[in-house]
Amino acid sequence: MSHSTEVFRSLLSSTLQQGRGIATKGHSKHPQEPLELYEMEGCPFCRLVREALTDLDIDVMILPCPKGGDRYRPLVERLGGKQQFPYLMDPNTGEALYGSADIIEYLYQQYGGRPAPKSWQLRLRTAAAIAASAPRGGHGIRTRSSRAPEQALELYSFEASPFARLVRERLTELQLPYLLRQCGRDQWKDWVLPVVRKSLDMDYSPSQRNRIDLLARAGRIAVPYLVDPNTGEELFESEAILHYLDQTYGN
């Protein structure tokens, strides 16, 4: 299937998320050590947790657990007693939780300084998350043969980005751990496409912390942006990143 077709299908998934996983409202305190989330990109319940993390502007270490995976799925069973996802471990508090509802409530209480929005408790939200999985046809669920990296990769992303989703799916399938650096939008100019900002010569200064970092690091802001400390490679553009991941870590 062509890359443009995959982008279209991913864009449809983003539409079905009904605007969630794009903007960030921030947190009252930031975890000193990254949280650890054991999950699958294509799992709708994992998606709900990732939407909350984008809303709270919290970076997280993703430990991919696709079906058939042999790196982190067995570890979850040893740690928590069963292979159920999502599974969150917080090294800052020692807390470990299964279940999207419990994880989301914990995140808002512990780091948001507020209860989880009541909309998270609606079954409609879960239904929308399930619907958003449909256009992807099982991507980000099952494992592919791969070589494990020595160090975790880094990905600048926000949950509902249709381009970043394609990369997160491949990272999941290849069982590649990565630090997810949130780049949610927190001002209206973030919603303007980079090419439009450039054509309009728009005065734009990011205010979200990872967008500031990305601009300083790469000279522009666009997601996804992959950093691989194992090879020193840093890349924009989903198609180029997918090719890189397959060539570097795929078998």
C-alpha atoms as a PDB file:
ATOM      1  CA  MET A   1       0.000   0.000   0.000  1.00  0.00           C
ATOM      2  CA  SER A   2       1.377   3.441  -0.923  1.00  0.00           C
ATOM      3  CA  HIS A   3       2.575   5.840   1.734  1.00  0.00           C
ATOM      4  CA  SER A   4       0.031   8.460   0.673  1.00  0.00           C
ATOM      5  CA  THR A   5      -2.774   5.915   1.170  1.00  0.00           C
ATOM      6  CA  GLU A   6      -1.454   5.079   4.633  1.00  0.00           C
ATOM      7  CA  VAL A   7      -1.347   8.791   5.497  1.00  0.00           C
ATOM      8  CA  PHE A   8      -4.964   9.180   4.374  1.00  0.00           C
ATOM      9  CA  ARG A   9      -6.082   6.243   6.502  1.00  0.00           C
ATOM     10  CA  SER A  10      -4.140   7.606   9.461  1.00  0.00           C
ATOM     11  CA  LEU A  11      -5.744  11.006   8.937  1.00  0.00           C
ATOM     12  CA  LEU A  12      -9.133   9.292   9.110  1.00  0.00           C
ATOM     13  CA  SER A  13      -8.136   7.793  12.451  1.00  0.00           C
ATOM     14  CA  SER A  14      -7.218  11.266  13.705  1.00  0.00           C
ATOM     15  CA  THR A  15     -10.593  12.576  12.583  1.00  0.00           C
ATOM     16  CA  LEU A  16     -12.340   9.820  14.524  1.00  0.00           C
ATOM     17  CA  GLN A  17     -10.446  10.896  17.639  1.00  0.00           C
ATOM     18  CA  GLN A  18     -12.608  14.039  17.478  1.00  0.00           C
ATOM     19  CA  GLY A  19      -9.804  16.476  18.236  1.00  0.00           C
ATOM     20  CA  ARG A  20      -8.321  14.632  21.213  1.00  0.00           C
ATOM     21  CA  GLY A  21      -4.580  14.120  21.454  1.00  0.00           C
ATOM     22  CA  ILE A  22      -3.686  17.384  19.697  1.00  0.00           C
ATOM     23  CA  ALA A  23      -3.683  20.199  22.255  1.00  0.00           C
ATOM     24  CA  THR A  24      -2.031  20.321  25.639  1.00  0.00           C
ATOM     25  CA  LYS A  25      -3.263  22.017  28.790  1.00  0.00           C
ATOM     26  CA  GLY A  26      -0.149  21.140  30.768  1.00  0.00           C
ATOM     27  CA  HIS A  27       0.542  19.734  34.211  1.00  0.00           C
ATOM     28  CA  SER A  28       1.013  21.040  37.736  1.00  0.00           C
ATOM     29  CA  LYS A  29       4.254  19.101  38.219  1.00  0.00           C
ATOM     30  CA  HIS A  30       6.505  17.152  35.914  1.00  0.00           C
ATOM     31  CA  PRO A  31       7.837  13.697  36.805  1.00  0.00           C
ATOM     32  CA  GLN A  32      11.560  13.742  37.523  1.00  0.00           C
ATOM     33  CA  GLU A  33      12.046  10.372  35.831  1.00  0.00           C
ATOM     34  CA  PRO A  34      10.130   9.353  32.700  1.00  0.00           C
ATOM     35  CA  LEU A  35       7.048   7.241  33.254  1.00  0.00           C
ATOM     36  CA  GLU A  36       7.099   3.802  31.623  1.00  0.00           C
ATOM     37  CA  LEU A  37       4.150   2.762  29.485  1.00  0.00           C
ATOM     38  CA  TYR A  38       3.872  -0.793  28.208  1.00  0.00           C
ATOM     39  CA  GLU A  39       1.444  -0.677  25.304  1.00  0.00           C
ATOM     40  CA  MET A  40       0.559  -1.215  21.655  1.00  0.00           C
ATOM     41  CA  GLU A  41       0.027   1.685  19.275  1.00  0.00           C
ATOM     42  CA  GLY A  42      -3.065   0.101  17.692  1.00  0.00           C
ATOM     43  CA  CYS A  43      -4.792  -0.691  21.000  1.00  0.00           C
ATOM     44  CA  PRO A  44      -7.754   1.690  21.610  1.00  0.00           C
ATOM     45  CA  PHE A  45      -7.358   1.558  25.393  1.00  0.00           C
ATOM     46  CA  CYS A  46      -3.680   2.454  25.085  1.00  0.00           C
ATOM     47  CA  ARG A  47      -4.738   5.309  22.813  1.00  0.00           C
ATOM     48  CA  LEU A  48      -6.864   6.794  25.598  1.00  0.00           C
ATOM     49  CA  VAL A  49      -3.825   6.902  27.885  1.00  0.00           C
ATOM     50  CA  ARG A  50      -1.673   8.495  25.189  1.00  0.00           C
ATOM     51  CA  GLU A  51      -4.354  11.138  24.601  1.00  0.00           C
ATOM     52  CA  ALA A  52      -4.251  11.982  28.309  1.00  0.00           C
ATOM     53  CA  LEU A  53      -0.451  12.176  28.259  1.00  0.00           C
ATOM     54  CA  THR A  54      -0.596  14.646  25.364  1.00  0.00           C
ATOM     55  CA  ASP A  55      -3.216  16.710  27.198  1.00  0.00           C
ATOM     56  CA  LEU A  56      -1.019  16.751  30.322  1.00  0.00           C
ATOM     57  CA  ASP A  57       2.181  17.386  28.335  1.00  0.00           C
ATOM     58  CA  ILE A  58       4.023  14.471  29.960  1.00  0.00           C
ATOM     59  CA  ASP A  59       6.847  12.658  28.204  1.00  0.00           C
ATOM     60  CA  VAL A  60       6.850   8.892  28.591  1.00  0.00           C
ATOM     61  CA  MET A  61       9.116   5.946  27.851  1.00  0.00           C
ATOM     62  CA  ILE A  62       7.222   3.600  25.557  1.00  0.00           C
ATOM     63  CA  LEU A  63       7.976  -0.123  25.864  1.00  0.00           C
ATOM     64  CA  PRO A  64       6.149  -1.666  22.882  1.00  0.00           C
ATOM     65  CA  CYS A  65       4.256  -4.905  23.520  1.00  0.00           C
ATOM     66  CA  PRO A  66       2.823  -6.068  20.171  1.00  0.00           C
ATOM     67  CA  LYS A  67       1.143  -9.443  19.915  1.00  0.00           C
ATOM     68  CA  GLY A  68       3.844 -12.059  19.505  1.00  0.00           C
ATOM     69  CA  GLY A  69       6.413  -9.746  21.089  1.00  0.00           C
ATOM     70  CA  ASP A  70       9.122 -11.341  23.204  1.00  0.00           C
ATOM     71  CA  ARG A  71      10.914  -8.336  24.727  1.00  0.00           C
ATOM     72  CA  TYR A  72       8.427  -6.555  26.968  1.00  0.00           C
ATOM     73  CA  ARG A  73       5.237  -8.622  27.065  1.00  0.00           C
ATOM     74  CA  PRO A  74       6.823 -11.319  29.284  1.00  0.00           C
ATOM     75  CA  LEU A  75       8.266  -8.564  31.490  1.00  0.00           C
ATOM     76  CA  VAL A  76       4.784  -7.130  32.094  1.00  0.00           C
ATOM     77  CA  GLU A  77       3.557 -10.546  33.191  1.00  0.00           C
ATOM     78  CA  ARG A  78       6.481 -10.866  35.616  1.00  0.00           C
ATOM     79  CA  LEU A  79       5.933  -7.381  36.997  1.00  0.00           C
ATOM     80  CA  GLY A  80       2.149  -7.314  37.232  1.00  0.00           C
ATOM     81  CA  GLY A  81       1.051 -10.923  36.975  1.00  0.00           C
ATOM     82  CA  LYS A  82      -0.664 -10.811  33.585  1.00  0.00           C
ATOM     83  CA  GLN A  83      -0.208  -9.672  30.000  1.00  0.00           C
ATOM     84  CA  GLN A  84      -2.745  -6.866  29.878  1.00  0.00           C
ATOM     85  CA  PHE A  85      -2.260  -3.478  28.267  1.00  0.00           C
ATOM     86  CA  PRO A  86      -1.831  -0.630  28.878  1.00  0.00           C
ATOM     87  CA  TYR A  87       0.392  -1.072  31.928  1.00  0.00           C
ATOM     88  CA  LEU A  88       1.965   1.992  33.557  1.00  0.00           C
ATOM     89  CA  MET A  89       4.930   2.053  35.908  1.00  0.00           C
ATOM     90  CA  ASP A  90       5.897   5.279  37.660  1.00  0.00           C
ATOM     91  CA  PRO A  91       9.464   5.126  39.019  1.00  0.00           C
ATOM     92  CA  ASN A  92       8.845   8.415  40.824  1.00  0.00           C
ATOM     93  CA  THR A  93       6.187   6.965  43.130  1.00  0.00           C
ATOM     94  CA  GLY A  94       6.557   3.200  42.750  1.00  0.00           C
ATOM     95  CA  GLU A  95       2.968   3.023  41.457  1.00  0.00           C
ATOM     96  CA  ALA A  96       2.081   0.368  38.857  1.00  0.00           C
ATOM     97  CA  LEU A  97      -1.345   0.157  37.236  1.00  0.00           C
ATOM     98  CA  TYR A  98      -3.313  -1.769  34.644  1.00  0.00           C
ATOM     99  CA  GLY A  99      -6.402  -0.374  32.927  1.00  0.00           C
ATOM    100  CA  SER A 100      -6.819   2.851  30.984  1.00  0.00           C
ATOM    101  CA  ALA A 101      -9.406   4.367  33.374  1.00  0.00           C
ATOM    102  CA  ASP A 102      -7.246   3.839  36.466  1.00  0.00           C
ATOM    103  CA  ILE A 103      -4.103   5.034  34.696  1.00  0.00           C
ATOM    104  CA  ILE A 104      -5.787   8.191  33.397  1.00  0.00           C
ATOM    105  CA  GLU A 105      -7.218   9.056  36.803  1.00  0.00           C
ATOM    106  CA  TYR A 106      -3.797   8.527  38.368  1.00  0.00           C
ATOM    107  CA  LEU A 107      -2.059  10.756  35.803  1.00  0.00           C
ATOM    108  CA  TYR A 108      -4.460  13.654  36.320  1.00  0.00           C
ATOM    109  CA  GLN A 109      -4.403  13.390  40.099  1.00  0.00           C
ATOM    110  CA  GLN A 110      -0.648  12.899  40.418  1.00  0.00           C
ATOM    111  CA  TYR A 111       0.636  15.255  37.713  1.00  0.00           C
ATOM    112  CA  GLY A 112      -2.306  17.338  36.576  1.00  0.00           C
ATOM    113  CA  GLY A 113      -3.259  18.472  40.057  1.00  0.00           C
ATOM    114  CA  ARG A 114      -6.898  17.879  39.180  1.00  0.00           C
ATOM    115  CA  PRO A 115      -9.353  15.027  38.695  1.00  0.00           C
ATOM    116  CA  ALA A 116      -9.579  13.473  35.272  1.00  0.00           C
ATOM    117  CA  PRO A 117     -12.141  15.303  33.110  1.00  0.00           C
ATOM    118  CA  LYS A 118     -15.563  13.692  33.370  1.00  0.00           C
ATOM    119  CA  SER A 119     -15.563  13.161  29.631  1.00  0.00           C
ATOM    120  CA  TRP A 120     -12.955  10.426  30.167  1.00  0.00           C
ATOM    121  CA  GLN A 121     -15.585   8.442  32.026  1.00  0.00           C
ATOM    122  CA  LEU A 122     -18.008   8.384  29.129  1.00  0.00           C
ATOM    123  CA  ARG A 123     -18.363   5.169  27.169  1.00  0.00           C
ATOM    124  CA  LEU A 124     -18.592   7.330  24.060  1.00  0.00           C
ATOM    125  CA  ARG A 125     -14.920   8.176  24.412  1.00  0.00           C
ATOM    126  CA  THR A 126     -13.982   4.506  24.510  1.00  0.00           C
ATOM    127  CA  ALA A 127     -16.172   3.874  21.476  1.00  0.00           C
ATOM    128  CA  ALA A 128     -14.408   6.689  19.601  1.00  0.00           C
ATOM    129  CA  ALA A 129     -11.017   5.225  20.501  1.00  0.00           C
ATOM    130  CA  ILE A 130     -12.104   1.839  19.160  1.00  0.00           C
ATOM    131  CA  ALA A 131     -13.451   3.460  15.983  1.00  0.00           C
ATOM    132  CA  ALA A 132     -10.132   5.270  15.484  1.00  0.00           C
ATOM    133  CA  SER A 133      -8.353   1.895  15.303  1.00  0.00           C
ATOM    134  CA  ALA A 134     -10.508   0.638  12.436  1.00  0.00           C
ATOM    135  CA  PRO A 135      -8.939   2.596   9.528  1.00  0.00           C
ATOM    136  CA  ARG A 136      -5.474   1.318  10.440  1.00  0.00           C
ATOM    137  CA  GLY A 137      -6.402  -2.303   9.815  1.00  0.00           C
ATOM    138  CA  GLY A 138      -4.295  -3.865  12.546  1.00  0.00           C
ATOM    139  CA  HIS A 139      -1.141  -1.773  12.134  1.00  0.00           C
ATOM    140  CA  GLY A 140       0.703  -1.287  15.386  1.00  0.00           C
ATOM    141  CA  ILE A 141      -0.638  -4.517  16.880  1.00  0.00           C
ATOM    142  CA  ARG A 142       1.514  -7.443  15.699  1.00  0.00           C
ATOM    143  CA  THR A 143       5.251  -7.897  15.911  1.00  0.00           C
ATOM    144  CA  ARG A 144       7.765  -7.927  13.082  1.00  0.00           C
ATOM    145  CA  SER A 145      11.197  -9.519  13.204  1.00  0.00           C
ATOM    146  CA  SER A 146      13.767  -6.963  14.320  1.00  0.00           C
ATOM    147  CA  ARG A 147      17.093  -6.258  15.996  1.00  0.00           C
ATOM    148  CA  ALA A 148      16.983  -4.631  19.428  1.00  0.00           C
ATOM    149  CA  PRO A 149      18.765  -1.267  19.852  1.00  0.00           C
ATOM    150  CA  GLU A 150      21.248  -0.745  22.674  1.00  0.00           C
ATOM    151  CA  GLN A 151      19.615   2.553  23.644  1.00  0.00           C
ATOM    152  CA  ALA A 152      16.023   3.734  23.417  1.00  0.00           C
ATOM    153  CA  LEU A 153      15.181   6.041  20.510  1.00  0.00           C
ATOM    154  CA  GLU A 154      13.423   9.414  20.887  1.00  0.00           C
ATOM    155  CA  LEU A 155      10.355  10.597  19.002  1.00  0.00           C
ATOM    156  CA  TYR A 156       8.904  14.108  18.962  1.00  0.00           C
ATOM    157  CA  SER A 157       5.198  13.564  18.456  1.00  0.00           C
ATOM    158  CA  PHE A 158       1.687  14.292  19.589  1.00  0.00           C
ATOM    159  CA  GLU A 159      -0.959  11.627  19.806  1.00  0.00           C
ATOM    160  CA  ALA A 160      -3.313  12.622  16.974  1.00  0.00           C
ATOM    161  CA  SER A 161      -0.641  13.451  14.381  1.00  0.00           C
ATOM    162  CA  PRO A 162      -1.452  11.213  11.384  1.00  0.00           C
ATOM    163  CA  PHE A 163       2.191  11.237  10.297  1.00  0.00           C
ATOM    164  CA  ALA A 164       3.617  10.456  13.731  1.00  0.00           C
ATOM    165  CA  ARG A 165       1.112   7.611  14.129  1.00  0.00           C
ATOM    166  CA  LEU A 166       2.676   5.759  11.191  1.00  0.00           C
ATOM    167  CA  VAL A 167       6.072   5.957  12.877  1.00  0.00           C
ATOM    168  CA  ARG A 168       4.745   4.896  16.274  1.00  0.00           C
ATOM    169  CA  GLU A 169       3.081   1.890  14.632  1.00  0.00           C
ATOM    170  CA  ARG A 170       6.376   0.761  13.128  1.00  0.00           C
ATOM    171  CA  LEU A 171       8.251   1.321  16.380  1.00  0.00           C
ATOM    172  CA  THR A 172       5.660  -0.889  18.079  1.00  0.00           C
ATOM    173  CA  GLU A 173       5.836  -3.631  15.480  1.00  0.00           C
ATOM    174  CA  LEU A 174       9.651  -3.678  15.636  1.00  0.00           C
ATOM    175  CA  GLN A 175       9.540  -3.638  19.477  1.00  0.00           C
ATOM    176  CA  LEU A 176      11.806  -0.587  19.585  1.00  0.00           C
ATOM    177  CA  PRO A 177      11.656   1.296  22.908  1.00  0.00           C
ATOM    178  CA  TYR A 178      11.484   5.059  22.603  1.00  0.00           C
ATOM    179  CA  LEU A 179      11.087   8.183  24.668  1.00  0.00           C
ATOM    180  CA  LEU A 180       7.945   9.916  23.461  1.00  0.00           C
ATOM    181  CA  ARG A 181       8.503  13.666  23.643  1.00  0.00           C
ATOM    182  CA  GLN A 182       5.135  15.427  23.654  1.00  0.00           C
ATOM    183  CA  CYS A 183       4.674  18.266  21.166  1.00  0.00           C
ATOM    184  CA  GLY A 184       1.026  19.125  21.777  1.00  0.00           C
ATOM    185  CA  ARG A 185      -0.275  22.488  20.595  1.00  0.00           C
ATOM    186  CA  ASP A 186      -0.718  25.151  23.261  1.00  0.00           C
ATOM    187  CA  GLN A 187      -1.238  28.337  21.201  1.00  0.00           C
ATOM    188  CA  TRP A 188      -3.221  29.114  18.080  1.00  0.00           C
ATOM    189  CA  LYS A 189      -0.161  29.561  15.851  1.00  0.00           C
ATOM    190  CA  ASP A 190       0.776  25.914  16.501  1.00  0.00           C
ATOM    191  CA  TRP A 191      -2.293  24.938  14.487  1.00  0.00           C
ATOM    192  CA  VAL A 192      -0.987  26.655  11.354  1.00  0.00           C
ATOM    193  CA  LEU A 193       0.949  24.271   9.109  1.00  0.00           C
ATOM    194  CA  PRO A 194       4.703  25.024   8.951  1.00  0.00           C
ATOM    195  CA  VAL A 195       4.564  25.579   5.182  1.00  0.00           C
ATOM    196  CA  VAL A 196       1.732  28.104   5.645  1.00  0.00           C
ATOM    197  CA  ARG A 197       3.595  29.918   8.433  1.00  0.00           C
ATOM    198  CA  LYS A 198       6.586  30.174   6.121  1.00  0.00           C
ATOM    199  CA  SER A 199       4.568  31.414   3.125  1.00  0.00           C
ATOM    200  CA  LEU A 200       2.872  34.054   5.271  1.00  0.00           C
ATOM    201  CA  ASP A 201       6.183  35.019   6.865  1.00  0.00           C
ATOM    202  CA  MET A 202       4.387  34.587  10.181  1.00  0.00           C
ATOM    203  CA  ASP A 203       6.144  35.663  13.353  1.00  0.00           C
ATOM    204  CA  TYR A 204       6.115  32.417  15.300  1.00  0.00           C
ATOM    205  CA  SER A 205       7.763  31.490  18.570  1.00  0.00           C
ATOM    206  CA  PRO A 206       6.781  28.183  20.187  1.00  0.00           C
ATOM    207  CA  SER A 207       5.874  28.153  23.867  1.00  0.00           C
ATOM    208  CA  GLN A 208       5.535  24.407  24.462  1.00  0.00           C
ATOM    209  CA  ARG A 209       8.811  23.047  25.912  1.00  0.00           C
ATOM    210  CA  ASN A 210       9.526  20.280  23.378  1.00  0.00           C
ATOM    211  CA  ARG A 211       8.613  22.527  20.459  1.00  0.00           C
ATOM    212  CA  ILE A 212      11.145  25.054  21.770  1.00  0.00           C
ATOM    213  CA  ASP A 213      13.712  22.267  22.044  1.00  0.00           C
ATOM    214  CA  LEU A 214      12.927  20.938  18.571  1.00  0.00           C
ATOM    215  CA  LEU A 215      13.302  24.366  16.983  1.00  0.00           C
ATOM    216  CA  ALA A 216      16.686  24.846  18.652  1.00  0.00           C
ATOM    217  CA  ARG A 217      17.774  21.345  17.729  1.00  0.00           C
ATOM    218  CA  ALA A 218      16.598  21.037  14.142  1.00  0.00           C
ATOM    219  CA  GLY A 219      15.864  24.587  13.024  1.00  0.00           C
ATOM    220  CA  ARG A 220      12.169  23.990  12.416  1.00  0.00           C
ATOM    221  CA  ILE A 221       9.140  22.413  14.025  1.00  0.00           C
ATOM    222  CA  ALA A 222       7.444  19.436  12.422  1.00  0.00           C
ATOM    223  CA  VAL A 223       6.447  16.038  13.704  1.00  0.00           C
ATOM    224  CA  PRO A 224       7.395  13.297  13.641  1.00  0.00           C
ATOM    225  CA  TYR A 225      11.071  13.872  14.365  1.00  0.00           C
ATOM    226  CA  LEU A 226      13.167  10.832  15.229  1.00  0.00           C
ATOM    227  CA  VAL A 227      16.425  10.845  17.176  1.00  0.00           C
ATOM    228  CA  ASP A 228      18.479   7.636  17.246  1.00  0.00           C
ATOM    229  CA  PRO A 229      21.340   7.854  19.776  1.00  0.00           C
ATOM    230  CA  ASN A 230      22.605   4.469  18.564  1.00  0.00           C
ATOM    231  CA  THR A 231      23.589   5.806  15.132  1.00  0.00           C
ATOM    232  CA  GLY A 232      23.470   9.584  15.540  1.00  0.00           C
ATOM    233  CA  GLU A 233      20.707   9.854  12.921  1.00  0.00           C
ATOM    234  CA  GLU A 234      18.015  12.519  13.268  1.00  0.00           C
ATOM    235  CA  LEU A 235      15.173  12.637  10.747  1.00  0.00           C
ATOM    236  CA  PHE A 236      11.986  14.490   9.837  1.00  0.00           C
ATOM    237  CA  GLU A 237       9.255  13.074   7.546  1.00  0.00           C
ATOM    238  CA  SER A 238       7.361   9.860   8.267  1.00  0.00           C
ATOM    239  CA  GLU A 239       8.242   8.108   4.995  1.00  0.00           C
ATOM    240  CA  ALA A 240      11.975   8.681   5.508  1.00  0.00           C
ATOM    241  CA  ILE A 241      11.758   7.569   9.141  1.00  0.00           C
ATOM    242  CA  LEU A 242       9.888   4.364   8.249  1.00  0.00           C
ATOM    243  CA  HIS A 243      12.521   3.504   5.647  1.00  0.00           C
ATOM    244  CA  TYR A 244      15.278   4.189   8.168  1.00  0.00           C
ATOM    245  CA  LEU A 245      13.703   2.002  10.855  1.00  0.00           C
ATOM    246  CA  ASP A 246      13.182  -0.902   8.457  1.00  0.00           C
ATOM    247  CA  GLN A 247      16.734  -0.674   7.102  1.00  0.00           C
ATOM    248  CA  THR A 248      18.400  -0.231  10.485  1.00  0.00           C
ATOM    249  CA  TYR A 249      16.388  -2.538  12.748  1.00  0.00           C
ATOM    250  CA  GLY A 250      14.205  -4.753  10.566  1.00  0.00           C
ATOM    251  CA  ASN A 251      15.235  -8.305   9.712  1.00  0.00           C
END
